[in-house]
């Protein structure tokens, strides 16, 4: 039996997404982008360069040991 005036699904009424972005949301996005860029530039990339340098050093040492 269907009741008139009632929704068929229980729970809260779904809200329509707002197309407006508040100033706080924008500032959080910009801050997150700067922090992410800084983390990438000062931590991740130098770490990868150091690891690659160690790999190359290990490869050189293993070639010298094979020749000797």
PDB file of N, CA and C in Angstrom:
ATOM      1  N   UNK A   1       0.846  -1.169   0.000  1.00  0.00           N
ATOM      2  CA  UNK A   1       0.000   0.000   0.000  1.00  0.00           C
ATOM      3  C   UNK A   1       0.896   1.237   0.000  1.00  0.00           C
ATOM      4  N   UNK A   2       0.739   2.094  -0.970  1.00  0.00           N
ATOM      5  CA  UNK A   2       1.540   3.305  -1.109  1.00  0.00           C
ATOM      6  C   UNK A   2       0.804   4.469  -0.479  1.00  0.00           C
ATOM      7  N   UNK A   3       1.523   5.193   0.381  1.00  0.00           N
ATOM      8  CA  UNK A   3       0.916   6.340   1.044  1.00  0.00           C
ATOM      9  C   UNK A   3       1.194   7.586   0.236  1.00  0.00           C
ATOM     10  N   UNK A   4       0.231   8.402   0.124  1.00  0.00           N
ATOM     11  CA  UNK A   4       0.422   9.641  -0.626  1.00  0.00           C
ATOM     12  C   UNK A   4       1.191  10.643   0.228  1.00  0.00           C
ATOM     13  N   UNK A   5       2.058  11.395  -0.411  1.00  0.00           N
ATOM     14  CA  UNK A   5       2.802  12.415   0.293  1.00  0.00           C
ATOM     15  C   UNK A   5       4.056  11.905   0.986  1.00  0.00           C
ATOM     16  N   UNK A   6       4.371  10.631   0.856  1.00  0.00           N
ATOM     17  CA  UNK A   6       5.566  10.084   1.503  1.00  0.00           C
ATOM     18  C   UNK A   6       6.569   9.652   0.447  1.00  0.00           C
ATOM     19  N   UNK A   7       7.833   9.751   0.828  1.00  0.00           N
ATOM     20  CA  UNK A   7       8.885   9.278  -0.077  1.00  0.00           C
ATOM     21  C   UNK A   7       8.950   7.761  -0.022  1.00  0.00           C
ATOM     22  N   UNK A   8       9.418   7.157  -1.098  1.00  0.00           N
ATOM     23  CA  UNK A   8       9.514   5.707  -1.130  1.00  0.00           C
ATOM     24  C   UNK A   8      10.763   5.189  -0.431  1.00  0.00           C
ATOM     25  N   UNK A   9      11.807   6.061  -0.294  1.00  0.00           N
ATOM     26  CA  UNK A   9      13.040   5.639   0.358  1.00  0.00           C
ATOM     27  C   UNK A   9      13.168   6.319   1.718  1.00  0.00           C
ATOM     28  N   UNK A  10      13.547   5.563   2.741  1.00  0.00           N
ATOM     29  CA  UNK A  10      13.741   6.187   4.053  1.00  0.00           C
ATOM     30  C   UNK A  10      15.059   6.951   4.089  1.00  0.00           C
ATOM     31  N   UNK A  11      15.188   7.832   5.042  1.00  0.00           N
ATOM     32  CA  UNK A  11      16.432   8.565   5.216  1.00  0.00           C
ATOM     33  C   UNK A  11      16.262  10.036   4.921  1.00  0.00           C
ATOM     34  N   UNK A  12      17.362  10.786   5.063  1.00  0.00           N
ATOM     35  CA  UNK A  12      17.264  12.236   4.852  1.00  0.00           C
ATOM     36  C   UNK A  12      17.046  12.573   3.382  1.00  0.00           C
ATOM     37  N   UNK A  13      16.450  13.721   3.177  1.00  0.00           N
ATOM     38  CA  UNK A  13      16.191  14.182   1.821  1.00  0.00           C
ATOM     39  C   UNK A  13      17.516  14.530   1.146  1.00  0.00           C
ATOM     40  N   UNK A  14      17.790  13.978  -0.026  1.00  0.00           N
ATOM     41  CA  UNK A  14      19.051  14.329  -0.692  1.00  0.00           C
ATOM     42  C   UNK A  14      19.057  15.792  -1.113  1.00  0.00           C
ATOM     43  N   UNK A  15      20.196  16.430  -0.925  1.00  0.00           N
ATOM     44  CA  UNK A  15      20.315  17.847  -1.282  1.00  0.00           C
ATOM     45  C   UNK A  15      20.931  17.971  -2.660  1.00  0.00           C
ATOM     46  N   UNK A  16      20.530  18.994  -3.348  1.00  0.00           N
ATOM     47  CA  UNK A  16      21.126  19.269  -4.654  1.00  0.00           C
ATOM     48  C   UNK A  16      22.506  19.874  -4.443  1.00  0.00           C
ATOM     49  N   UNK A  17      23.476  19.474  -5.237  1.00  0.00           N
ATOM     50  CA  UNK A  17      24.816  20.051  -5.051  1.00  0.00           C
ATOM     51  C   UNK A  17      24.814  21.537  -5.379  1.00  0.00           C
ATOM     52  N   UNK A  18      25.478  22.282  -4.530  1.00  0.00           N
ATOM     53  CA  UNK A  18      25.553  23.726  -4.739  1.00  0.00           C
ATOM     54  C   UNK A  18      26.651  24.036  -5.732  1.00  0.00           C
ATOM     55  N   UNK A  19      26.398  24.942  -6.637  1.00  0.00           N
ATOM     56  CA  UNK A  19      27.390  25.329  -7.626  1.00  0.00           C
ATOM     57  C   UNK A  19      28.254  26.480  -7.114  1.00  0.00           C
ATOM     58  N   UNK A  20      27.947  26.946  -5.911  1.00  0.00           N
ATOM     59  CA  UNK A  20      28.718  28.028  -5.333  1.00  0.00           C
ATOM     60  C   UNK A  20      29.841  27.453  -4.482  1.00  0.00           C
ATOM     61  N   UNK A  21      31.030  28.006  -4.621  1.00  0.00           N
ATOM     62  CA  UNK A  21      32.157  27.587  -3.805  1.00  0.00           C
ATOM     63  C   UNK A  21      32.469  28.736  -2.857  1.00  0.00           C
ATOM     64  N   UNK A  22      32.494  28.433  -1.584  1.00  0.00           N
ATOM     65  CA  UNK A  22      32.744  29.500  -0.615  1.00  0.00           C
ATOM     66  C   UNK A  22      34.218  29.893  -0.637  1.00  0.00           C
ATOM     67  N   UNK A  23      34.503  31.045  -0.068  1.00  0.00           N
ATOM     68  CA  UNK A  23      35.883  31.548  -0.040  1.00  0.00           C
ATOM     69  C   UNK A  23      36.771  30.631   0.786  1.00  0.00           C
ATOM     70  N   UNK A  24      36.209  30.041   1.836  1.00  0.00           N
ATOM     71  CA  UNK A  24      37.006  29.147   2.673  1.00  0.00           C
ATOM     72  C   UNK A  24      37.398  27.886   1.899  1.00  0.00           C
ATOM     73  N   UNK A  25      36.494  27.349   1.107  1.00  0.00           N
ATOM     74  CA  UNK A  25      36.819  26.182   0.293  1.00  0.00           C
ATOM     75  C   UNK A  25      37.935  26.498  -0.690  1.00  0.00           C
ATOM     76  N   UNK A  26      37.869  27.656  -1.299  1.00  0.00           N
ATOM     77  CA  UNK A  26      38.898  28.047  -2.255  1.00  0.00           C
ATOM     78  C   UNK A  26      40.243  28.205  -1.572  1.00  0.00           C
ATOM     79  N   UNK A  27      40.268  28.824  -0.410  1.00  0.00           N
ATOM     80  CA  UNK A  27      41.538  29.015   0.297  1.00  0.00           C
ATOM     81  C   UNK A  27      42.113  27.686   0.759  1.00  0.00           C
ATOM     82  N   UNK A  28      41.259  26.747   1.152  1.00  0.00           N
ATOM     83  CA  UNK A  28      41.744  25.423   1.535  1.00  0.00           C
ATOM     84  C   UNK A  28      42.346  24.686   0.344  1.00  0.00           C
ATOM     85  N   UNK A  29      41.726  24.813  -0.804  1.00  0.00           N
ATOM     86  CA  UNK A  29      42.249  24.166  -2.004  1.00  0.00           C
ATOM     87  C   UNK A  29      43.597  24.757  -2.385  1.00  0.00           C
ATOM     88  N   UNK A  30      43.709  26.077  -2.331  1.00  0.00           N
ATOM     89  CA  UNK A  30      44.974  26.739  -2.685  1.00  0.00           C
ATOM     90  C   UNK A  30      46.067  26.359  -1.679  1.00  0.00           C
ATOM     91  N   UNK A  31      45.727  26.355  -0.387  1.00  0.00           N
ATOM     92  CA  UNK A  31      46.702  25.983   0.641  1.00  0.00           C
ATOM     93  C   UNK A  31      47.162  24.543   0.451  1.00  0.00           C
ATOM     94  N   UNK A  32      46.226  23.648   0.173  1.00  0.00           N
ATOM     95  CA  UNK A  32      46.582  22.259  -0.068  1.00  0.00           C
ATOM     96  C   UNK A  32      47.460  22.086  -1.289  1.00  0.00           C
ATOM     97  N   UNK A  33      47.202  22.863  -2.323  1.00  0.00           N
ATOM     98  CA  UNK A  33      48.027  22.782  -3.530  1.00  0.00           C
ATOM     99  C   UNK A  33      49.440  23.250  -3.242  1.00  0.00           C
ATOM    100  N   UNK A  34      49.597  24.345  -2.487  1.00  0.00           N
ATOM    101  CA  UNK A  34      50.934  24.830  -2.149  1.00  0.00           C
ATOM    102  C   UNK A  34      51.674  23.839  -1.255  1.00  0.00           C
ATOM    103  N   UNK A  35      50.978  23.268  -0.275  1.00  0.00           N
ATOM    104  CA  UNK A  35      51.631  22.294   0.598  1.00  0.00           C
ATOM    105  C   UNK A  35      52.026  21.038  -0.179  1.00  0.00           C
ATOM    106  N   UNK A  36      51.162  20.592  -1.058  1.00  0.00           N
ATOM    107  CA  UNK A  36      51.483  19.423  -1.870  1.00  0.00           C
ATOM    108  C   UNK A  36      52.650  19.670  -2.798  1.00  0.00           C
ATOM    109  N   UNK A  37      52.699  20.856  -3.385  1.00  0.00           N
ATOM    110  CA  UNK A  37      53.811  21.203  -4.277  1.00  0.00           C
ATOM    111  C   UNK A  37      55.113  21.298  -3.492  1.00  0.00           C
ATOM    112  N   UNK A  38      55.058  21.906  -2.324  1.00  0.00           N
ATOM    113  CA  UNK A  38      56.258  22.010  -1.492  1.00  0.00           C
ATOM    114  C   UNK A  38      56.757  20.653  -1.043  1.00  0.00           C
ATOM    115  N   UNK A  39      55.837  19.781  -0.648  1.00  0.00           N
ATOM    116  CA  UNK A  39      56.220  18.434  -0.240  1.00  0.00           C
ATOM    117  C   UNK A  39      56.863  17.685  -1.395  1.00  0.00           C
ATOM    118  N   UNK A  40      56.305  17.836  -2.574  1.00  0.00           N
ATOM    119  CA  UNK A  40      56.855  17.174  -3.753  1.00  0.00           C
ATOM    120  C   UNK A  40      58.233  17.725  -4.083  1.00  0.00           C
ATOM    121  N   UNK A  41      58.391  19.027  -4.026  1.00  0.00           N
ATOM    122  CA  UNK A  41      59.645  19.655  -4.440  1.00  0.00           C
ATOM    123  C   UNK A  41      60.772  19.437  -3.438  1.00  0.00           C
ATOM    124  N   UNK A  42      60.472  19.437  -2.146  1.00  0.00           N
ATOM    125  CA  UNK A  42      61.529  19.402  -1.145  1.00  0.00           C
ATOM    126  C   UNK A  42      61.711  18.047  -0.481  1.00  0.00           C
ATOM    127  N   UNK A  43      60.818  17.112  -0.665  1.00  0.00           N
ATOM    128  CA  UNK A  43      60.940  15.813  -0.008  1.00  0.00           C
ATOM    129  C   UNK A  43      60.989  14.665  -1.013  1.00  0.00           C
ATOM    130  N   UNK A  44      59.996  14.561  -1.861  1.00  0.00           N
ATOM    131  CA  UNK A  44      59.858  13.399  -2.730  1.00  0.00           C
ATOM    132  C   UNK A  44      60.934  13.378  -3.810  1.00  0.00           C
ATOM    133  N   UNK A  45      61.091  14.455  -4.549  1.00  0.00           N
ATOM    134  CA  UNK A  45      62.041  14.474  -5.672  1.00  0.00           C
ATOM    135  C   UNK A  45      63.482  14.321  -5.182  1.00  0.00           C
ATOM    136  N   UNK A  46      63.945  15.049  -4.155  1.00  0.00           N
ATOM    137  CA  UNK A  46      65.307  14.795  -3.666  1.00  0.00           C
ATOM    138  C   UNK A  46      65.491  13.375  -3.141  1.00  0.00           C
ATOM    139  N   UNK A  47      64.465  12.820  -2.498  1.00  0.00           N
ATOM    140  CA  UNK A  47      64.561  11.444  -2.022  1.00  0.00           C
ATOM    141  C   UNK A  47      64.736  10.468  -3.167  1.00  0.00           C
ATOM    142  N   UNK A  48      63.999  10.688  -4.246  1.00  0.00           N
ATOM    143  CA  UNK A  48      64.151   9.820  -5.418  1.00  0.00           C
ATOM    144  C   UNK A  48      65.534   9.971  -6.040  1.00  0.00           C
ATOM    145  N   UNK A  49      66.053  11.193  -6.075  1.00  0.00           N
ATOM    146  CA  UNK A  49      67.396  11.405  -6.621  1.00  0.00           C
ATOM    147  C   UNK A  49      68.457  10.714  -5.777  1.00  0.00           C
ATOM    148  N   UNK A  50      68.326  10.769  -4.456  1.00  0.00           N
ATOM    149  CA  UNK A  50      69.288  10.105  -3.573  1.00  0.00           C
ATOM    150  C   UNK A  50      69.225   8.592  -3.767  1.00  0.00           C
ATOM    151  N   UNK A  51      68.019   8.046  -3.847  1.00  0.00           N
ATOM    152  CA  UNK A  51      67.897   6.601  -4.047  1.00  0.00           C
ATOM    153  C   UNK A  51      68.486   6.188  -5.384  1.00  0.00           C
ATOM    154  N   UNK A  52      68.240   6.952  -6.438  1.00  0.00           N
ATOM    155  CA  UNK A  52      68.784   6.613  -7.752  1.00  0.00           C
ATOM    156  C   UNK A  52      70.306   6.703  -7.745  1.00  0.00           C
ATOM    157  N   UNK A  53      70.868   7.678  -7.016  1.00  0.00           N
ATOM    158  CA  UNK A  53      72.319   7.793  -6.897  1.00  0.00           C
ATOM    159  C   UNK A  53      72.893   6.561  -6.194  1.00  0.00           C
ATOM    160  N   UNK A  54      72.210   6.080  -5.169  1.00  0.00           N
ATOM    161  CA  UNK A  54      72.672   4.874  -4.469  1.00  0.00           C
ATOM    162  C   UNK A  54      72.592   3.654  -5.369  1.00  0.00           C
ATOM    163  N   UNK A  55      71.552   3.572  -6.189  1.00  0.00           N
ATOM    164  CA  UNK A  55      71.438   2.454  -7.123  1.00  0.00           C
ATOM    165  C   UNK A  55      72.599   2.471  -8.105  1.00  0.00           C
ATOM    166  N   UNK A  56      72.919   3.634  -8.651  1.00  0.00           N
ATOM    167  CA  UNK A  56      74.030   3.740  -9.598  1.00  0.00           C
ATOM    168  C   UNK A  56      75.356   3.402  -8.928  1.00  0.00           C
ATOM    169  N   UNK A  57      75.561   3.861  -7.674  1.00  0.00           N
ATOM    170  CA  UNK A  57      76.784   3.523  -6.947  1.00  0.00           C
ATOM    171  C   UNK A  57      76.892   2.015  -6.734  1.00  0.00           C
ATOM    172  N   UNK A  58      75.808   1.373  -6.387  1.00  0.00           N
ATOM    173  CA  UNK A  58      75.801  -0.074  -6.177  1.00  0.00           C
ATOM    174  C   UNK A  58      76.122  -0.803  -7.478  1.00  0.00           C
ATOM    175  N   UNK A  59      75.573  -0.324  -8.579  1.00  0.00           N
ATOM    176  CA  UNK A  59      75.844  -0.964  -9.865  1.00  0.00           C
ATOM    177  C   UNK A  59      77.315  -0.824 -10.241  1.00  0.00           C
ATOM    178  N   UNK A  60      77.919   0.340  -9.966  1.00  0.00           N
ATOM    179  CA  UNK A  60      79.346   0.540 -10.251  1.00  0.00           C
ATOM    180  C   UNK A  60      80.205  -0.390  -9.400  1.00  0.00           C
ATOM    181  N   UNK A  61      79.857  -0.517  -8.113  1.00  0.00           N
ATOM    182  CA  UNK A  61      80.624  -1.387  -7.220  1.00  0.00           C
ATOM    183  C   UNK A  61      80.521  -2.843  -7.636  1.00  0.00           C
ATOM    184  N   UNK A  62      79.339  -3.268  -8.065  1.00  0.00           N
ATOM    185  CA  UNK A  62      79.185  -4.668  -8.453  1.00  0.00           C
ATOM    186  C   UNK A  62      79.943  -4.957  -9.748  1.00  0.00           C
ATOM    187  N   UNK A  63      80.039  -3.988 -10.658  1.00  0.00           N
ATOM    188  CA  UNK A  63      80.813  -4.180 -11.887  1.00  0.00           C
ATOM    189  C   UNK A  63      82.308  -4.236 -11.562  1.00  0.00           C
ATOM    190  N   UNK A  64      82.775  -3.417 -10.612  1.00  0.00           N
ATOM    191  CA  UNK A  64      84.194  -3.438 -10.237  1.00  0.00           C
ATOM    192  C   UNK A  64      84.547  -4.761  -9.566  1.00  0.00           C
ATOM    193  N   UNK A  65      83.643  -5.314  -8.756  1.00  0.00           N
ATOM    194  CA  UNK A  65      83.905  -6.589  -8.085  1.00  0.00           C
ATOM    195  C   UNK A  65      83.954  -7.728  -9.099  1.00  0.00           C
ATOM    196  N   UNK A  66      83.175  -7.687 -10.141  1.00  0.00           N
ATOM    197  CA  UNK A  66      83.185  -8.743 -11.155  1.00  0.00           C
ATOM    198  C   UNK A  66      84.481  -8.703 -11.966  1.00  0.00           C
ATOM    199  N   UNK A  67      84.994  -7.506 -12.238  1.00  0.00           N
ATOM    200  CA  UNK A  67      86.216  -7.372 -13.018  1.00  0.00           C
ATOM    201  C   UNK A  67      87.433  -7.801 -12.223  1.00  0.00           C
ATOM    202  N   UNK A  68      87.432  -7.587 -10.919  1.00  0.00           N
ATOM    203  CA  UNK A  68      88.610  -7.883 -10.079  1.00  0.00           C
ATOM    204  C   UNK A  68      88.754  -9.351  -9.761  1.00  0.00           C
TER     205      UNK A  68
END
